[in-house]
Amino acid sequence: MTKKKNKSTIPFNNITGIVLVVILLIGVVRYYNAETPSRLVARNYTTETAPLEKLRGVSAKDANLEAALSSYEEKDFATAESLFSKYLSKTPTDFDAYFLKGISLMETGAFDEAVTVFKTIRINSVNHYEDATWFLALTYLKKNQKDDAKLILKELIAANGNSKVEAAKKLLSEIS
């Protein structure tokens, strides 16, 4: 005697399979569309060029600075960082050069050093506070330290500066 198949379980198994596949597809789509810190940084980051013009007049007096600026413009950030460091060993209060060194460190993945540079600039240079704070937040995002990035962005918004407040508000709203 053979057992009869219960026909009511067959559609249930098909429906269960379809539901599982749909759930899996939703998960995959969410994963690939998620706002990762790297994506947020990529949308909100451009290398700074403003300090380059200021430093051009000074660079004629220093070969390391001239070479550092050229390397920075060519996006050879490892060389630029090394040359900025040599220049800054003689001129430690040149915060334009120090700022570009921080960006060079960020670009080469030396995030902990970049954090140190941007924090130092924030403390010592009123003229560079807003930009250094912005790049500090982006560096924290690169390090996947969202809470630190949020805190810094809130500080930037509270400081109510000119150039980065709206961008900071937007980025803060995008960080999950």
N, C-alpha and C. Protein backbone atom coordinates (compact mmCIF):
# COMPACT_ATOMS: atom_id res chain seq x y z
N MET A 1 0.83 -1.16 0.00
CA MET A 1 0.00 0.00 0.00
C MET A 1 0.89 1.24 0.00
N THR A 2 0.64 2.12 -0.89
CA THR A 2 1.43 3.35 -0.99
C THR A 2 0.68 4.49 -0.32
N LYS A 3 1.50 5.37 0.23
CA LYS A 3 0.92 6.54 0.88
C LYS A 3 0.50 7.55 -0.17
N LYS A 4 -0.58 8.19 0.09
CA LYS A 4 -1.02 9.28 -0.78
C LYS A 4 -0.29 10.55 -0.37
N LYS A 5 0.13 11.29 -1.38
CA LYS A 5 0.75 12.60 -1.09
C LYS A 5 -0.35 13.57 -0.70
N ASN A 6 -0.02 14.31 0.29
CA ASN A 6 -0.94 15.35 0.72
C ASN A 6 -0.72 16.55 -0.20
N LYS A 7 -1.64 16.79 -1.08
CA LYS A 7 -1.48 17.85 -2.09
C LYS A 7 -1.47 19.24 -1.47
N SER A 8 -2.00 19.39 -0.28
CA SER A 8 -2.04 20.73 0.33
C SER A 8 -0.66 21.18 0.79
N THR A 9 0.30 20.28 1.02
CA THR A 9 1.63 20.69 1.45
C THR A 9 2.49 21.14 0.28
N ILE A 10 2.21 20.68 -0.88
CA ILE A 10 3.01 21.06 -2.05
C ILE A 10 2.88 22.55 -2.34
N PRO A 11 1.69 23.13 -2.44
CA PRO A 11 1.61 24.57 -2.66
C PRO A 11 2.22 25.36 -1.50
N PHE A 12 2.05 24.87 -0.28
CA PHE A 12 2.63 25.55 0.87
C PHE A 12 4.15 25.61 0.74
N ASN A 13 4.78 24.51 0.34
CA ASN A 13 6.23 24.49 0.17
C ASN A 13 6.66 25.43 -0.95
N ASN A 14 5.91 25.49 -2.02
CA ASN A 14 6.24 26.42 -3.12
C ASN A 14 6.12 27.86 -2.66
N ILE A 15 5.07 28.16 -1.93
CA ILE A 15 4.88 29.53 -1.44
C ILE A 15 5.99 29.88 -0.46
N THR A 16 6.33 28.96 0.42
CA THR A 16 7.41 29.20 1.38
C THR A 16 8.72 29.50 0.65
N GLY A 17 9.00 28.73 -0.37
CA GLY A 17 10.22 28.95 -1.16
C GLY A 17 10.24 30.31 -1.82
N ILE A 18 9.12 30.68 -2.39
CA ILE A 18 9.03 31.98 -3.05
C ILE A 18 9.21 33.11 -2.04
N VAL A 19 8.59 33.00 -0.88
CA VAL A 19 8.72 34.02 0.16
C VAL A 19 10.18 34.13 0.61
N LEU A 20 10.84 33.00 0.80
CA LEU A 20 12.24 33.02 1.21
C LEU A 20 13.13 33.67 0.17
N VAL A 21 12.87 33.38 -1.09
CA VAL A 21 13.66 33.99 -2.17
C VAL A 21 13.44 35.51 -2.19
N VAL A 22 12.20 35.94 -2.04
CA VAL A 22 11.90 37.38 -2.03
C VAL A 22 12.59 38.06 -0.86
N ILE A 23 12.54 37.44 0.32
CA ILE A 23 13.21 38.01 1.49
C ILE A 23 14.71 38.10 1.25
N LEU A 24 15.28 37.07 0.68
CA LEU A 24 16.71 37.07 0.38
C LEU A 24 17.05 38.19 -0.61
N LEU A 25 16.25 38.35 -1.65
CA LEU A 25 16.50 39.42 -2.63
C LEU A 25 16.39 40.80 -2.00
N ILE A 26 15.43 40.99 -1.12
CA ILE A 26 15.30 42.28 -0.43
C ILE A 26 16.54 42.56 0.40
N GLY A 27 17.03 41.54 1.09
CA GLY A 27 18.25 41.70 1.89
C GLY A 27 19.44 42.06 1.04
N VAL A 28 19.59 41.41 -0.11
CA VAL A 28 20.71 41.69 -1.01
C VAL A 28 20.62 43.12 -1.53
N VAL A 29 19.44 43.55 -1.93
CA VAL A 29 19.26 44.92 -2.44
C VAL A 29 19.57 45.93 -1.35
N ARG A 30 19.10 45.69 -0.14
CA ARG A 30 19.38 46.61 0.96
C ARG A 30 20.87 46.66 1.25
N TYR A 31 21.52 45.52 1.21
CA TYR A 31 22.96 45.47 1.49
C TYR A 31 23.73 46.32 0.49
N TYR A 32 23.41 46.17 -0.79
CA TYR A 32 24.15 46.90 -1.81
C TYR A 32 23.75 48.36 -1.93
N ASN A 33 22.60 48.73 -1.40
CA ASN A 33 22.17 50.12 -1.44
C ASN A 33 22.38 50.84 -0.12
N ALA A 34 22.96 50.17 0.84
CA ALA A 34 23.16 50.77 2.17
C ALA A 34 24.12 51.94 2.09
N GLU A 35 23.89 52.91 2.95
CA GLU A 35 24.77 54.07 3.04
C GLU A 35 25.96 53.71 3.92
N THR A 36 27.00 53.22 3.31
CA THR A 36 28.19 52.88 4.06
C THR A 36 28.99 54.16 4.31
N PRO A 37 29.80 54.15 5.35
CA PRO A 37 30.64 55.33 5.58
C PRO A 37 31.49 55.71 4.37
N SER A 38 31.99 54.72 3.66
CA SER A 38 32.82 55.01 2.48
C SER A 38 32.01 55.73 1.40
N ARG A 39 30.78 55.31 1.21
CA ARG A 39 29.93 55.97 0.21
C ARG A 39 29.61 57.40 0.64
N LEU A 40 29.34 57.59 1.93
CA LEU A 40 29.05 58.94 2.42
C LEU A 40 30.25 59.86 2.23
N VAL A 41 31.43 59.35 2.53
CA VAL A 41 32.64 60.16 2.36
C VAL A 41 32.84 60.48 0.89
N ALA A 42 32.69 59.48 0.03
CA ALA A 42 32.90 59.70 -1.40
C ALA A 42 31.98 60.78 -1.96
N ARG A 43 30.74 60.82 -1.48
CA ARG A 43 29.80 61.84 -1.96
C ARG A 43 30.09 63.23 -1.40
N ASN A 44 30.76 63.30 -0.27
CA ASN A 44 30.95 64.58 0.41
C ASN A 44 32.39 65.06 0.42
N TYR A 45 33.25 64.40 -0.32
CA TYR A 45 34.67 64.70 -0.22
C TYR A 45 35.26 65.12 -1.55
N THR A 46 36.00 66.19 -1.51
CA THR A 46 36.86 66.58 -2.61
C THR A 46 38.16 67.08 -1.99
N THR A 47 39.25 66.85 -2.67
CA THR A 47 40.52 67.35 -2.12
C THR A 47 40.51 68.86 -2.17
N GLU A 48 41.05 69.46 -1.14
CA GLU A 48 41.07 70.91 -1.03
C GLU A 48 42.17 71.49 -1.92
N THR A 49 41.86 72.58 -2.56
CA THR A 49 42.86 73.26 -3.38
C THR A 49 43.05 74.72 -2.94
N ALA A 50 42.15 75.23 -2.10
CA ALA A 50 42.24 76.64 -1.69
C ALA A 50 43.60 77.00 -1.08
N PRO A 51 44.16 76.19 -0.17
CA PRO A 51 45.44 76.58 0.42
C PRO A 51 46.60 76.61 -0.59
N LEU A 52 46.43 75.95 -1.72
CA LEU A 52 47.51 75.90 -2.70
C LEU A 52 47.90 77.30 -3.18
N GLU A 53 46.89 78.12 -3.46
CA GLU A 53 47.17 79.47 -3.96
C GLU A 53 47.90 80.31 -2.93
N LYS A 54 47.49 80.18 -1.68
CA LYS A 54 48.16 80.94 -0.62
C LYS A 54 49.62 80.52 -0.50
N LEU A 55 49.86 79.23 -0.62
CA LEU A 55 51.20 78.70 -0.41
C LEU A 55 52.12 78.91 -1.61
N ARG A 56 51.56 79.16 -2.76
CA ARG A 56 52.41 79.33 -3.95
C ARG A 56 53.43 80.45 -3.77
N GLY A 57 53.05 81.53 -3.16
CA GLY A 57 53.99 82.64 -2.94
C GLY A 57 55.10 82.28 -1.98
N VAL A 58 54.77 81.45 -0.99
CA VAL A 58 55.76 81.02 0.00
C VAL A 58 56.67 79.95 -0.59
N SER A 59 56.12 79.14 -1.48
CA SER A 59 56.85 77.96 -1.96
C SER A 59 58.13 78.30 -2.72
N ALA A 60 58.16 79.47 -3.33
CA ALA A 60 59.36 79.85 -4.05
C ALA A 60 60.56 79.94 -3.11
N LYS A 61 60.29 80.12 -1.83
CA LYS A 61 61.36 80.24 -0.84
C LYS A 61 61.77 78.89 -0.25
N ASP A 62 61.01 77.82 -0.52
CA ASP A 62 61.31 76.53 0.09
C ASP A 62 61.10 75.40 -0.91
N ALA A 63 62.15 74.66 -1.18
CA ALA A 63 62.09 73.59 -2.18
C ALA A 63 61.16 72.45 -1.73
N ASN A 64 61.16 72.12 -0.43
CA ASN A 64 60.28 71.05 0.05
C ASN A 64 58.82 71.42 -0.12
N LEU A 65 58.49 72.67 0.18
CA LEU A 65 57.10 73.09 0.03
C LEU A 65 56.70 73.09 -1.44
N GLU A 66 57.55 73.59 -2.30
CA GLU A 66 57.24 73.60 -3.73
C GLU A 66 57.01 72.19 -4.25
N ALA A 67 57.88 71.26 -3.87
CA ALA A 67 57.73 69.87 -4.30
C ALA A 67 56.48 69.23 -3.67
N ALA A 68 56.19 69.57 -2.42
CA ALA A 68 55.00 69.04 -1.75
C ALA A 68 53.74 69.49 -2.46
N LEU A 69 53.68 70.76 -2.84
CA LEU A 69 52.51 71.30 -3.54
C LEU A 69 52.34 70.64 -4.90
N SER A 70 53.44 70.45 -5.61
CA SER A 70 53.37 69.78 -6.91
C SER A 70 52.88 68.35 -6.77
N SER A 71 53.41 67.64 -5.77
CA SER A 71 52.99 66.26 -5.53
C SER A 71 51.51 66.21 -5.15
N TYR A 72 51.07 67.14 -4.34
CA TYR A 72 49.68 67.19 -3.93
C TYR A 72 48.78 67.41 -5.15
N GLU A 73 49.14 68.36 -5.99
CA GLU A 73 48.35 68.63 -7.20
C GLU A 73 48.31 67.43 -8.14
N GLU A 74 49.38 66.66 -8.15
CA GLU A 74 49.44 65.46 -9.00
C GLU A 74 48.80 64.25 -8.32
N LYS A 75 48.27 64.47 -7.11
CA LYS A 75 47.61 63.43 -6.31
C LYS A 75 48.57 62.32 -5.90
N ASP A 76 49.83 62.67 -5.78
CA ASP A 76 50.84 61.76 -5.21
C ASP A 76 50.93 62.10 -3.73
N PHE A 77 49.93 61.63 -2.99
CA PHE A 77 49.75 62.07 -1.61
C PHE A 77 50.80 61.52 -0.65
N ALA A 78 51.35 60.37 -0.92
CA ALA A 78 52.40 59.82 -0.05
C ALA A 78 53.64 60.72 -0.11
N THR A 79 54.03 61.09 -1.32
CA THR A 79 55.19 61.98 -1.48
C THR A 79 54.88 63.36 -0.90
N ALA A 80 53.68 63.86 -1.17
CA ALA A 80 53.29 65.18 -0.66
C ALA A 80 53.36 65.19 0.87
N GLU A 81 52.84 64.17 1.51
CA GLU A 81 52.85 64.12 2.98
C GLU A 81 54.27 64.15 3.52
N SER A 82 55.14 63.37 2.91
CA SER A 82 56.54 63.33 3.35
C SER A 82 57.20 64.71 3.19
N LEU A 83 56.95 65.36 2.09
CA LEU A 83 57.55 66.68 1.84
C LEU A 83 56.92 67.77 2.72
N PHE A 84 55.61 67.68 2.96
CA PHE A 84 54.99 68.62 3.90
C PHE A 84 55.61 68.46 5.28
N SER A 85 55.86 67.21 5.68
CA SER A 85 56.47 66.97 7.00
C SER A 85 57.84 67.60 7.10
N LYS A 86 58.65 67.48 6.05
CA LYS A 86 59.98 68.12 6.05
C LYS A 86 59.85 69.63 6.16
N TYR A 87 58.96 70.19 5.37
CA TYR A 87 58.75 71.64 5.40
C TYR A 87 58.26 72.08 6.79
N LEU A 88 57.31 71.36 7.34
CA LEU A 88 56.71 71.74 8.63
C LEU A 88 57.66 71.55 9.80
N SER A 89 58.70 70.74 9.63
CA SER A 89 59.69 70.61 10.71
C SER A 89 60.43 71.94 10.92
N LYS A 90 60.49 72.75 9.85
CA LYS A 90 61.13 74.07 9.93
C LYS A 90 60.12 75.20 10.14
N THR A 91 58.87 74.95 9.73
CA THR A 91 57.83 75.99 9.79
C THR A 91 56.54 75.37 10.37
N PRO A 92 56.55 75.04 11.65
CA PRO A 92 55.44 74.28 12.23
C PRO A 92 54.12 75.04 12.36
N THR A 93 54.12 76.33 12.18
CA THR A 93 52.88 77.10 12.31
C THR A 93 52.24 77.46 10.98
N ASP A 94 52.70 76.86 9.90
CA ASP A 94 52.08 77.09 8.60
C ASP A 94 50.88 76.15 8.49
N PHE A 95 49.71 76.64 8.92
CA PHE A 95 48.55 75.77 8.98
C PHE A 95 47.95 75.46 7.63
N ASP A 96 48.24 76.25 6.60
CA ASP A 96 47.82 75.87 5.25
C ASP A 96 48.54 74.59 4.84
N ALA A 97 49.84 74.55 5.06
CA ALA A 97 50.62 73.35 4.73
C ALA A 97 50.22 72.18 5.63
N TYR A 98 49.98 72.48 6.90
CA TYR A 98 49.59 71.45 7.85
C TYR A 98 48.25 70.84 7.44
N PHE A 99 47.33 71.66 6.97
CA PHE A 99 46.03 71.21 6.51
C PHE A 99 46.17 70.27 5.30
N LEU A 100 46.99 70.66 4.34
CA LEU A 100 47.21 69.81 3.16
C LEU A 100 47.92 68.50 3.55
N LYS A 101 48.76 68.56 4.56
CA LYS A 101 49.38 67.33 5.08
C LYS A 101 48.30 66.40 5.62
N GLY A 102 47.34 66.95 6.36
CA GLY A 102 46.25 66.13 6.90
C GLY A 102 45.45 65.46 5.80
N ILE A 103 45.15 66.19 4.75
CA ILE A 103 44.42 65.61 3.63
C ILE A 103 45.27 64.53 2.96
N SER A 104 46.55 64.79 2.82
CA SER A 104 47.45 63.79 2.22
C SER A 104 47.45 62.51 3.06
N LEU A 105 47.48 62.66 4.38
CA LEU A 105 47.43 61.49 5.26
C LEU A 105 46.12 60.74 5.09
N MET A 106 45.03 61.48 5.01
CA MET A 106 43.72 60.86 4.82
C MET A 106 43.69 60.08 3.51
N GLU A 107 44.24 60.69 2.46
CA GLU A 107 44.24 60.05 1.14
C GLU A 107 45.09 58.77 1.11
N THR A 108 46.11 58.71 1.94
CA THR A 108 46.97 57.52 1.94
C THR A 108 46.49 56.47 2.94
N GLY A 109 45.40 56.74 3.63
CA GLY A 109 44.86 55.77 4.57
C GLY A 109 45.47 55.84 5.96
N ALA A 110 46.28 56.85 6.22
CA ALA A 110 46.87 57.03 7.55
C ALA A 110 45.88 57.83 8.40
N PHE A 111 44.74 57.21 8.69
CA PHE A 111 43.63 57.92 9.32
C PHE A 111 43.93 58.40 10.73
N ASP A 112 44.62 57.59 11.53
CA ASP A 112 44.93 58.02 12.89
C ASP A 112 45.81 59.26 12.90
N GLU A 113 46.79 59.29 12.00
CA GLU A 113 47.66 60.47 11.90
C GLU A 113 46.87 61.67 11.38
N ALA A 114 45.96 61.44 10.43
CA ALA A 114 45.14 62.53 9.90
C ALA A 114 44.26 63.11 11.01
N VAL A 115 43.70 62.25 11.85
CA VAL A 115 42.89 62.72 12.98
C VAL A 115 43.72 63.64 13.86
N THR A 116 44.94 63.22 14.17
CA THR A 116 45.82 64.02 15.02
C THR A 116 46.09 65.39 14.38
N VAL A 117 46.37 65.40 13.10
CA VAL A 117 46.64 66.66 12.39
C VAL A 117 45.42 67.57 12.43
N PHE A 118 44.24 67.05 12.08
CA PHE A 118 43.05 67.89 12.05
C PHE A 118 42.67 68.39 13.44
N LYS A 119 42.86 67.57 14.46
CA LYS A 119 42.60 68.03 15.83
C LYS A 119 43.56 69.15 16.22
N THR A 120 44.81 69.01 15.85
CA THR A 120 45.81 70.04 16.16
C THR A 120 45.45 71.35 15.47
N ILE A 121 45.05 71.27 14.23
CA ILE A 121 44.67 72.48 13.49
C ILE A 121 43.47 73.15 14.14
N ARG A 122 42.48 72.35 14.54
CA ARG A 122 41.28 72.91 15.17
C ARG A 122 41.63 73.69 16.43
N ILE A 123 42.58 73.19 17.18
CA ILE A 123 42.97 73.83 18.44
C ILE A 123 43.79 75.09 18.19
N ASN A 124 44.63 75.07 17.16
CA ASN A 124 45.63 76.13 17.00
C ASN A 124 45.36 77.15 15.90
N SER A 125 44.35 76.95 15.09
CA SER A 125 44.14 77.88 13.98
C SER A 125 42.66 78.19 13.79
N VAL A 126 42.28 79.37 14.21
CA VAL A 126 40.89 79.82 14.05
C VAL A 126 40.52 79.87 12.57
N ASN A 127 41.45 80.28 11.73
CA ASN A 127 41.18 80.41 10.29
C ASN A 127 40.90 79.08 9.61
N HIS A 128 41.37 78.00 10.19
CA HIS A 128 41.20 76.69 9.56
C HIS A 128 40.25 75.78 10.34
N TYR A 129 39.62 76.31 11.39
CA TYR A 129 38.80 75.49 12.27
C TYR A 129 37.70 74.75 11.50
N GLU A 130 36.95 75.47 10.69
CA GLU A 130 35.80 74.87 10.01
C GLU A 130 36.23 73.77 9.03
N ASP A 131 37.24 74.05 8.22
CA ASP A 131 37.70 73.04 7.26
C ASP A 131 38.32 71.84 7.98
N ALA A 132 39.11 72.10 9.01
CA ALA A 132 39.73 71.00 9.75
C ALA A 132 38.67 70.14 10.44
N THR A 133 37.62 70.77 10.95
CA THR A 133 36.54 70.04 11.60
C THR A 133 35.79 69.18 10.59
N TRP A 134 35.52 69.73 9.42
CA TRP A 134 34.85 68.98 8.34
C TRP A 134 35.67 67.75 7.96
N PHE A 135 36.96 67.95 7.73
CA PHE A 135 37.79 66.82 7.33
C PHE A 135 38.03 65.84 8.47
N LEU A 136 37.98 66.30 9.70
CA LEU A 136 38.05 65.39 10.84
C LEU A 136 36.83 64.47 10.84
N ALA A 137 35.66 65.04 10.61
CA ALA A 137 34.44 64.22 10.54
C ALA A 137 34.53 63.20 9.40
N LEU A 138 35.01 63.63 8.24
CA LEU A 138 35.15 62.70 7.12
C LEU A 138 36.17 61.60 7.42
N THR A 139 37.23 61.96 8.12
CA THR A 139 38.23 60.96 8.50
C THR A 139 37.62 59.94 9.45
N TYR A 140 36.84 60.40 10.40
CA TYR A 140 36.17 59.47 11.30
C TYR A 140 35.24 58.53 10.52
N LEU A 141 34.55 59.06 9.53
CA LEU A 141 33.71 58.20 8.70
C LEU A 141 34.54 57.16 7.95
N LYS A 142 35.68 57.60 7.42
CA LYS A 142 36.59 56.66 6.73
C LYS A 142 37.01 55.54 7.67
N LYS A 143 37.15 55.88 8.96
CA LYS A 143 37.54 54.89 9.97
C LYS A 143 36.33 54.09 10.47
N ASN A 144 35.16 54.38 9.92
CA ASN A 144 33.91 53.74 10.31
C ASN A 144 33.54 54.06 11.77
N GLN A 145 33.93 55.23 12.23
CA GLN A 145 33.61 55.69 13.58
C GLN A 145 32.48 56.72 13.47
N LYS A 146 31.28 56.20 13.22
CA LYS A 146 30.13 57.07 12.96
C LYS A 146 29.80 57.97 14.15
N ASP A 147 29.88 57.44 15.36
CA ASP A 147 29.53 58.25 16.53
C ASP A 147 30.46 59.45 16.67
N ASP A 148 31.75 59.23 16.44
CA ASP A 148 32.71 60.34 16.50
C ASP A 148 32.43 61.35 15.39
N ALA A 149 32.11 60.84 14.20
CA ALA A 149 31.79 61.74 13.08
C ALA A 149 30.56 62.58 13.40
N LYS A 150 29.53 61.95 13.97
CA LYS A 150 28.31 62.69 14.33
C LYS A 150 28.63 63.80 15.34
N LEU A 151 29.41 63.46 16.34
CA LEU A 151 29.77 64.44 17.37
C LEU A 151 30.48 65.65 16.76
N ILE A 152 31.43 65.39 15.88
CA ILE A 152 32.19 66.47 15.24
C ILE A 152 31.29 67.29 14.32
N LEU A 153 30.40 66.63 13.60
CA LEU A 153 29.48 67.37 12.73
C LEU A 153 28.55 68.26 13.55
N LYS A 154 28.09 67.76 14.70
CA LYS A 154 27.25 68.58 15.58
C LYS A 154 28.02 69.80 16.08
N GLU A 155 29.30 69.62 16.40
CA GLU A 155 30.14 70.75 16.81
C GLU A 155 30.25 71.78 15.69
N LEU A 156 30.43 71.28 14.48
CA LEU A 156 30.57 72.16 13.33
C LEU A 156 29.28 72.96 13.10
N ILE A 157 28.16 72.30 13.24
CA ILE A 157 26.87 72.97 13.07
C ILE A 157 26.68 74.02 14.18
N ALA A 158 27.02 73.66 15.40
CA ALA A 158 26.86 74.57 16.53
C ALA A 158 27.77 75.80 16.40
N ALA A 159 28.93 75.62 15.78
CA ALA A 159 29.84 76.75 15.59
C ALA A 159 29.28 77.77 14.62
N ASN A 160 28.32 77.32 13.79
CA ASN A 160 27.60 78.20 12.88
C ASN A 160 28.52 79.02 11.99
N GLY A 161 29.48 78.33 11.37
CA GLY A 161 30.39 79.00 10.45
C GLY A 161 29.72 79.27 9.11
N ASN A 162 30.52 79.55 8.12
CA ASN A 162 29.98 79.96 6.83
C ASN A 162 29.89 78.85 5.80
N SER A 163 30.97 78.13 5.62
CA SER A 163 31.05 77.30 4.42
C SER A 163 30.63 75.85 4.57
N LYS A 164 30.63 75.30 5.76
CA LYS A 164 30.39 73.86 5.89
C LYS A 164 29.14 73.49 6.67
N VAL A 165 28.39 74.44 7.19
CA VAL A 165 27.26 74.13 8.06
C VAL A 165 26.18 73.34 7.32
N GLU A 166 25.79 73.80 6.15
CA GLU A 166 24.73 73.09 5.41
C GLU A 166 25.19 71.69 5.01
N ALA A 167 26.43 71.57 4.58
CA ALA A 167 26.96 70.25 4.22
C ALA A 167 27.01 69.35 5.46
N ALA A 168 27.35 69.92 6.61
CA ALA A 168 27.41 69.14 7.85
C ALA A 168 26.02 68.67 8.24
N LYS A 169 25.02 69.52 8.11
CA LYS A 169 23.64 69.13 8.43
C LYS A 169 23.19 67.99 7.53
N LYS A 170 23.48 68.11 6.25
CA LYS A 170 23.09 67.08 5.29
C LYS A 170 23.77 65.76 5.60
N LEU A 171 25.08 65.81 5.81
CA LEU A 171 25.83 64.58 6.10
C LEU A 171 25.35 63.96 7.41
N LEU A 172 25.11 64.76 8.41
CA LEU A 172 24.64 64.24 9.70
C LEU A 172 23.31 63.51 9.53
N SER A 173 22.43 64.04 8.70
CA SER A 173 21.14 63.38 8.48
C SER A 173 21.29 62.07 7.71
N GLU A 174 22.35 61.92 6.97
CA GLU A 174 22.58 60.70 6.17
C GLU A 174 23.27 59.58 6.94
N ILE A 175 23.92 59.92 8.03
CA ILE A 175 24.62 58.90 8.81
C ILE A 175 23.58 58.15 9.64
N SER A 176 23.58 56.85 9.47
CA SER A 176 22.58 56.05 10.20
C SER A 176 23.08 55.67 11.58
